[in-house]
Protein backbone atom coordinates (compact mmCIF):
# COMPACT_ATOMS: atom_id res chain seq x y z
CA MET A 1 140.27 84.20 72.00
CA ARG A 2 137.68 84.03 69.22
CA SER A 3 135.58 80.91 69.05
CA PRO A 4 135.51 78.74 65.89
CA GLU A 5 131.89 79.80 65.42
CA ARG A 6 132.84 83.49 65.45
CA ALA A 7 135.78 82.85 63.09
CA ARG A 8 133.57 81.08 60.53
CA LEU A 9 131.04 83.91 60.60
CA THR A 10 133.77 86.54 60.23
CA ALA A 11 135.30 84.73 57.23
CA ALA A 12 131.90 84.53 55.53
CA LEU A 13 131.19 88.24 56.10
CA ARG A 14 134.59 89.27 54.76
CA SER A 15 133.94 87.21 51.63
CA LEU A 16 130.61 88.96 51.15
CA LYS A 17 132.32 92.33 51.52
CA GLU A 18 134.81 91.38 48.79
CA ARG A 19 131.99 90.22 46.55
CA ALA A 20 130.11 93.47 47.07
CA GLY A 21 133.29 95.42 46.21
CA LEU A 22 132.68 97.92 48.99
CA SER A 23 135.08 99.55 51.42
CA LEU A 24 134.22 100.15 55.05
CA THR A 25 133.19 103.66 54.08
CA GLY A 26 130.89 102.27 51.41
CA LEU A 27 129.29 99.88 53.87
CA GLY A 28 128.74 102.72 56.30
CA GLU A 29 127.04 104.78 53.59
CA ARG A 30 124.75 101.99 52.38
CA THR A 31 123.68 100.49 55.73
CA PRO A 32 122.45 101.77 59.12
CA PHE A 33 125.80 100.76 60.67
CA SER A 34 128.86 102.99 60.84
CA LYS A 35 132.25 102.45 59.23
CA SER A 36 133.88 101.84 62.62
CA SER A 37 131.21 99.29 63.51
CA TRP A 38 131.80 97.39 60.28
CA GLY A 39 135.51 97.40 61.03
CA ARG A 40 134.86 95.62 64.33
CA TYR A 41 132.36 93.22 62.79
CA LEU A 42 134.68 92.16 59.96
CA THR A 43 137.70 91.60 62.20
CA GLY A 44 135.72 89.48 64.61
CA GLU A 45 136.26 91.92 67.47
CA ILE A 46 132.54 91.91 68.28
CA LEU A 47 129.57 89.88 67.09
CA PRO A 48 127.53 91.86 64.55
CA PRO A 49 123.77 92.29 64.97
CA ARG A 50 121.59 89.92 62.98
CA GLU A 51 120.35 92.86 60.87
CA ALA A 52 123.94 93.73 59.87
CA VAL A 53 124.41 90.21 58.51
CA ARG A 54 121.20 90.54 56.51
CA GLU A 55 122.25 93.95 55.12
CA LEU A 56 125.61 92.60 53.92
CA CYS A 57 123.93 89.59 52.27
CA ARG A 58 121.61 92.02 50.48
CA LEU A 59 124.48 94.16 49.18
CA ALA A 60 126.39 91.09 47.95
CA GLY A 61 123.33 89.49 46.35
CA GLU A 62 123.72 86.44 48.59
CA PRO A 63 120.80 84.41 50.01
CA GLU A 64 120.88 85.04 53.73
CA GLY A 65 120.09 81.53 55.00
CA ARG A 66 123.65 80.20 55.38
CA CYS A 67 125.07 83.34 56.97
CA LEU A 68 122.17 83.58 59.40
CA ALA A 69 122.82 79.96 60.40
CA LEU A 70 126.46 80.89 61.07
CA TRP A 71 125.27 83.89 63.08
CA GLU A 72 122.94 81.71 65.15
CA LEU A 73 125.83 79.40 66.06
CA ALA A 74 128.15 82.30 66.93
CA GLU A 75 125.47 84.09 68.95
CA SER A 76 124.57 80.91 70.82
CA GLU A 77 128.22 80.37 71.75
CA SER A 78 128.77 84.03 72.67
CA SER A 79 125.72 84.22 74.93
CA GLY A 80 126.51 80.92 76.63
CA ARG A 81 123.25 79.32 75.54
CA ALA A 82 125.18 76.58 73.77
CA THR A 83 126.51 75.32 77.13
CA GLN A 84 123.28 75.69 79.11
CA ALA A 85 121.36 72.71 77.82
CA PRO A 86 118.90 71.46 80.43
CA PRO A 87 119.60 68.07 82.06
CA PRO A 88 117.80 65.12 80.50
CA ALA A 89 114.38 64.47 81.97
CA ARG A 90 114.07 61.52 84.30
CA PRO A 91 111.56 58.97 83.11
CA GLU A 92 108.47 59.03 85.27
CA THR A 93 106.79 55.80 86.29
CA ALA A 94 103.30 55.14 87.47
CA PRO A 95 102.99 54.97 91.26
CA GLU A 96 102.75 51.48 92.67
CA PRO A 97 99.39 50.69 94.24
CA LYS A 98 99.48 50.89 98.03
CA LEU A 99 98.35 47.85 99.94
CA GLU A 100 96.37 48.38 103.10
CA PRO A 101 97.99 46.61 106.06
CA GLN A 102 96.00 43.60 107.17
CA PRO A 103 95.61 42.91 110.90
CA ALA A 104 97.34 39.81 112.18
CA LYS A 105 95.09 36.84 112.53
CA GLU A 106 94.62 35.96 116.18
CA PRO A 107 93.55 32.42 117.01
CA GLU A 108 91.03 33.43 119.69
CA GLU A 109 89.11 35.56 117.19
CA GLY A 110 89.14 33.01 114.38
CA PRO A 111 86.06 31.13 113.20
CA GLU A 112 84.77 28.36 115.26
CA ALA A 113 85.52 24.84 114.18
CA GLY A 114 83.20 23.86 111.44
CA GLY A 115 82.08 27.46 110.92
CA PRO A 116 82.11 29.25 107.57
CA ALA A 117 85.48 30.36 106.20
CA PRO A 118 86.17 34.09 106.00
CA PRO A 119 85.53 35.71 102.60
CA ARG A 120 88.52 35.79 100.21
CA PRO A 121 89.65 39.17 98.80
CA ALA A 122 88.20 39.89 95.38
CA PRO A 123 90.65 39.69 92.45
CA PRO A 124 91.41 42.96 90.57
CA THR A 125 88.74 43.77 88.07
CA ALA A 126 89.26 44.74 84.42
CA THR A 127 88.31 48.32 85.26
CA THR A 128 91.07 48.59 87.89
CA THR A 129 93.68 47.13 85.50
CA THR A 130 92.66 49.51 82.70
CA ALA A 131 92.88 52.58 84.98
CA THR A 132 96.39 51.62 86.15
CA ALA A 133 97.57 51.08 82.56
CA HIS A 134 96.07 54.44 81.54
CA ARG A 135 97.98 56.27 84.31
CA ALA A 136 101.25 54.63 83.21
CA THR A 137 100.63 55.54 79.56
CA THR A 138 99.82 59.15 80.48
CA ALA A 139 103.03 59.48 82.51
CA THR A 140 105.11 58.06 79.63
CA THR A 141 103.48 60.46 77.15
CA ALA A 142 104.19 63.45 79.41
CA THR A 143 107.84 62.37 79.73
CA THR A 144 108.19 62.07 75.94
CA ALA A 145 106.64 65.52 75.38
CA THR A 146 108.93 67.10 78.00
CA THR A 147 112.01 65.51 76.44
CA HIS A 148 110.91 66.71 73.00
CA ARG A 149 110.46 70.29 74.17
CA ARG A 150 113.81 70.35 75.89
CA SER A 151 115.66 68.98 72.87
CA TRP A 152 114.36 71.44 70.29
CA ARG A 153 117.35 73.73 70.76
CA ALA A 154 119.81 70.90 70.11
CA THR A 155 117.90 69.93 66.97
CA ALA A 156 117.94 73.52 65.67
CA VAL A 157 121.68 73.85 66.29
CA MET A 158 122.36 70.56 64.49
CA ALA A 159 120.33 71.76 61.52
CA ALA A 160 122.38 74.95 61.44
CA VAL A 161 125.61 72.93 61.56
CA LEU A 162 124.45 70.92 58.56
CA ALA A 163 123.67 74.13 56.71
CA VAL A 164 127.12 75.47 57.53
CA THR A 165 128.73 72.23 56.36
CA ALA A 166 126.83 72.39 53.10
CA GLY A 167 127.96 75.98 52.59
CA GLY A 168 131.54 75.30 53.63
CA VAL A 169 132.67 74.64 50.08
CA THR A 170 131.41 78.05 49.01
CA ALA A 171 133.11 79.82 51.91
CA THR A 172 136.40 78.03 51.17
CA ALA A 173 136.23 78.92 47.50
CA LEU A 174 135.70 82.59 48.29
CA LEU A 175 138.83 82.65 50.45
CA LEU A 176 141.17 81.01 47.94
CA PRO A 177 144.55 82.69 47.29
CA ALA A 178 145.46 84.53 44.13
CA ALA A 179 146.17 81.28 42.24
CA ARG A 180 142.40 80.70 42.24
CA THR A 181 140.83 84.12 42.28
CA PRO A 182 137.35 84.92 43.69
CA ASP A 183 135.85 85.64 40.25
CA ASP A 184 136.92 82.20 39.03
CA ALA A 185 136.02 80.49 42.30
CA ARG A 186 132.45 81.75 42.06
CA ARG A 187 132.08 80.46 38.51
CA PRO A 188 129.35 77.75 38.52
CA PRO A 189 130.58 74.26 37.56
CA ALA A 190 130.15 73.12 34.01
CA THR A 191 127.02 71.05 33.54
CA GLY A 192 126.41 67.97 31.49
CA THR A 193 124.17 67.75 28.49
CA GLY A 194 121.35 66.07 30.32
CA THR A 195 121.37 67.37 33.89
CA GLY A 196 121.94 70.56 35.88
CA THR A 197 121.54 74.17 34.93
CA GLY A 198 123.88 76.63 33.29
CA PRO A 199 125.51 79.66 34.89
CA PRO A 200 123.14 82.46 35.92
CA ALA A 201 122.54 85.20 33.38
CA PRO A 202 124.16 88.58 34.11
CA ARG A 203 121.94 91.31 35.49
CA CYS A 204 123.08 93.89 32.94
CA GLN A 205 124.69 94.12 29.52
CA GLY A 206 126.47 96.80 27.57
CA ASP A 207 125.76 100.42 28.46
CA ALA A 208 123.44 99.33 31.29
CA CYS A 209 126.52 98.02 33.15
CA GLU A 210 128.40 101.34 33.13
CA GLY A 211 129.38 102.27 36.68
CA ARG A 212 127.90 99.09 38.18
CA ASP A 213 129.53 96.54 40.50
CA PRO A 214 130.82 93.52 38.49
CA MET A 215 130.12 90.98 41.22
CA ASN A 216 126.62 92.16 42.05
CA MET A 217 125.74 92.20 38.36
CA LEU A 218 127.08 88.61 37.93
CA CYS A 219 129.55 89.70 35.28
CA GLY A 220 132.41 87.77 36.92
CA ILE A 221 131.70 84.65 34.82
CA GLY A 222 133.55 83.66 31.65
CA LEU A 223 136.27 86.27 32.04
CA ASP A 224 139.35 87.28 30.08
CA THR A 225 142.35 88.77 31.89
CA LEU A 226 143.69 91.63 29.75
CA VAL A 227 146.45 92.75 32.15
CA GLU A 228 148.14 90.97 35.04
CA HIS A 229 151.12 92.58 36.75
CA ARG A 230 152.93 92.76 40.06
CA THR A 231 153.82 96.32 40.95
CA ALA A 232 157.07 97.62 42.39
CA SER A 233 155.50 97.75 45.86
CA GLY A 234 154.47 94.08 45.68
CA ALA A 235 150.79 94.64 44.99
CA HIS A 236 149.01 92.66 42.29
CA LEU A 237 146.95 94.30 39.54
CA GLN A 238 144.58 92.80 37.01
CA VAL A 239 142.27 94.14 34.30
CA ARG A 240 139.29 91.88 33.66
CA TYR A 241 136.99 91.76 30.64
CA SER A 242 133.56 90.12 30.40
CA ARG A 243 132.39 89.28 26.89
CA THR A 244 128.89 88.55 28.19
CA CYS A 245 128.46 91.95 29.83
CA GLY A 246 130.67 93.87 27.41
CA THR A 247 132.59 95.58 30.24
CA SER A 248 136.00 95.83 31.85
CA TRP A 249 137.14 96.58 35.41
CA GLY A 250 140.30 96.51 37.47
CA ARG A 251 141.19 94.92 40.78
CA ILE A 252 144.15 94.92 43.15
CA TRP A 253 145.26 92.92 46.20
CA ASP A 254 148.28 92.54 48.51
CA THR A 255 148.08 96.30 48.89
CA ARG A 256 148.71 98.95 51.55
CA VAL A 257 146.53 101.74 52.88
CA GLY A 258 146.58 104.60 50.37
CA ASP A 259 147.16 102.44 47.26
CA ARG A 260 144.86 103.24 44.35
CA ILE A 261 143.87 101.79 40.97
CA GLU A 262 142.45 103.85 38.09
CA LEU A 263 140.90 102.32 34.96
CA THR A 264 140.25 104.32 31.81
CA ALA A 265 138.62 103.16 28.56
CA ALA A 266 136.07 104.86 26.33
CA GLY A 267 133.97 106.14 29.23
CA PRO A 268 134.63 107.77 32.61
CA THR A 269 137.65 106.79 34.69
CA ARG A 270 136.79 104.20 37.34
CA SER A 271 138.91 103.99 40.50
CA ALA A 272 139.16 102.29 43.88
CA GLU A 273 141.36 103.16 46.85
CA VAL A 274 142.56 101.17 49.85
CA THR A 275 141.18 103.16 52.79
CA ASP A 276 141.97 100.90 55.76
CA ALA A 277 143.80 97.78 56.90
CA LEU A 278 140.81 95.58 56.11
CA ASP A 279 140.78 96.72 52.48
CA ALA A 280 144.49 95.93 52.31
CA THR A 281 143.84 92.24 53.06
CA ALA A 282 141.08 91.82 50.47
CA TYR A 283 140.47 92.12 46.74
CA LEU A 284 139.47 95.66 45.79
CA TYR A 285 137.49 96.21 42.57
CA THR A 286 136.72 99.24 40.46
CA LEU A 287 133.26 99.68 39.03
CA MET A 288 132.73 98.56 35.42
CA THR A 289 133.25 100.60 32.30
CA ARG A 290 131.76 99.80 28.88
CA THR A 291 134.26 98.22 26.45
CA ARG A 292 133.99 96.61 23.02
CA PRO A 293 136.42 94.59 20.90
CA GLY A 294 139.21 96.95 19.86
CA THR A 295 138.80 99.27 22.87
CA VAL A 296 142.10 100.26 24.53
CA VAL A 297 141.95 99.87 28.31
CA ARG A 298 144.51 101.65 30.52
CA ALA A 299 145.07 100.74 34.17
CA CYS A 300 147.26 102.83 36.49
CA PHE A 301 148.42 101.84 39.98
CA ARG A 302 149.33 104.59 42.41
CA SER A 303 151.15 103.52 45.55
CA GLU A 304 151.21 105.59 48.73
CA GLY A 305 154.36 107.75 48.65
CA GLN A 306 155.10 106.99 44.99
CA ASN A 307 155.45 110.01 42.71
CA GLU A 308 154.69 108.39 39.36
CA PRO A 309 151.95 105.81 38.74
CA GLU A 310 152.62 102.47 37.10
CA CYS A 311 150.38 102.23 34.02
CA TYR A 312 149.60 99.34 31.69
CA GLU A 313 147.51 99.12 28.52
CA ALA A 314 145.71 96.35 26.68
CA THR A 315 143.28 96.06 23.79
CA VAL A 316 140.00 94.23 24.19
CA PRO A 317 140.10 91.20 21.83
């Protein structure tokens, strides 16, 4: 059974894959890890290497801090280090001073009557008291340092948990159903007139966006939906338009292996195909094509085993 830590990491990695708009084949081509390895990583079958998490963050344009914190928690649980915390250190106390046994006083060896009294033991001096206090302080300091060293792992894990909690809202938004789609979920919140910052600027515009990934280029903000349709096979199809970037692209979900979307406008046809079961459970995007107001955009859905495609057209407003 997968642990909650592994499940959270897997959900975050799948969201990054959707954002990157890459199939397992695409991940295998763009990273040092094979398609089959990515399939096992993204289903939670095995824990991915730390470098694989970093590579996926890079492809999705995501800061790697939160995902690496999730990986640390999952790796700690998987290796058993999370349950091997050392026992708390016992406080050490300064040793009690040993008293030398005094011989019993025998009457026949006592002082004669009227003789001088035996000398009284000298009281402890200031030097002796200071040395004893110093030993006690040193022992307490050593105990505190030992406890601090042994608790560093717990502190690091708690920091990672806080990071995961802070990023939980983002992970939840990325996994929302079709009623709140990933493009919309990633849209930054509106800001007031006096505080906050606006949405990030796209990384390309116009012709520079041709053939680029809409999510990596931050074009999935302020969108218009030109076409939205449910196909005969039950899959969903949308055509999206970004006024800021001046581009359109298509996406499909609730699909089956072999399903395909093709998008044609003024430039080359852009397509995406469901190549495996993992693609079938995620949003699949085409690359962008340049469109302007008045451009006719045509999207065709081809289902596995279907002779004729289902095609829909719309004009960019």
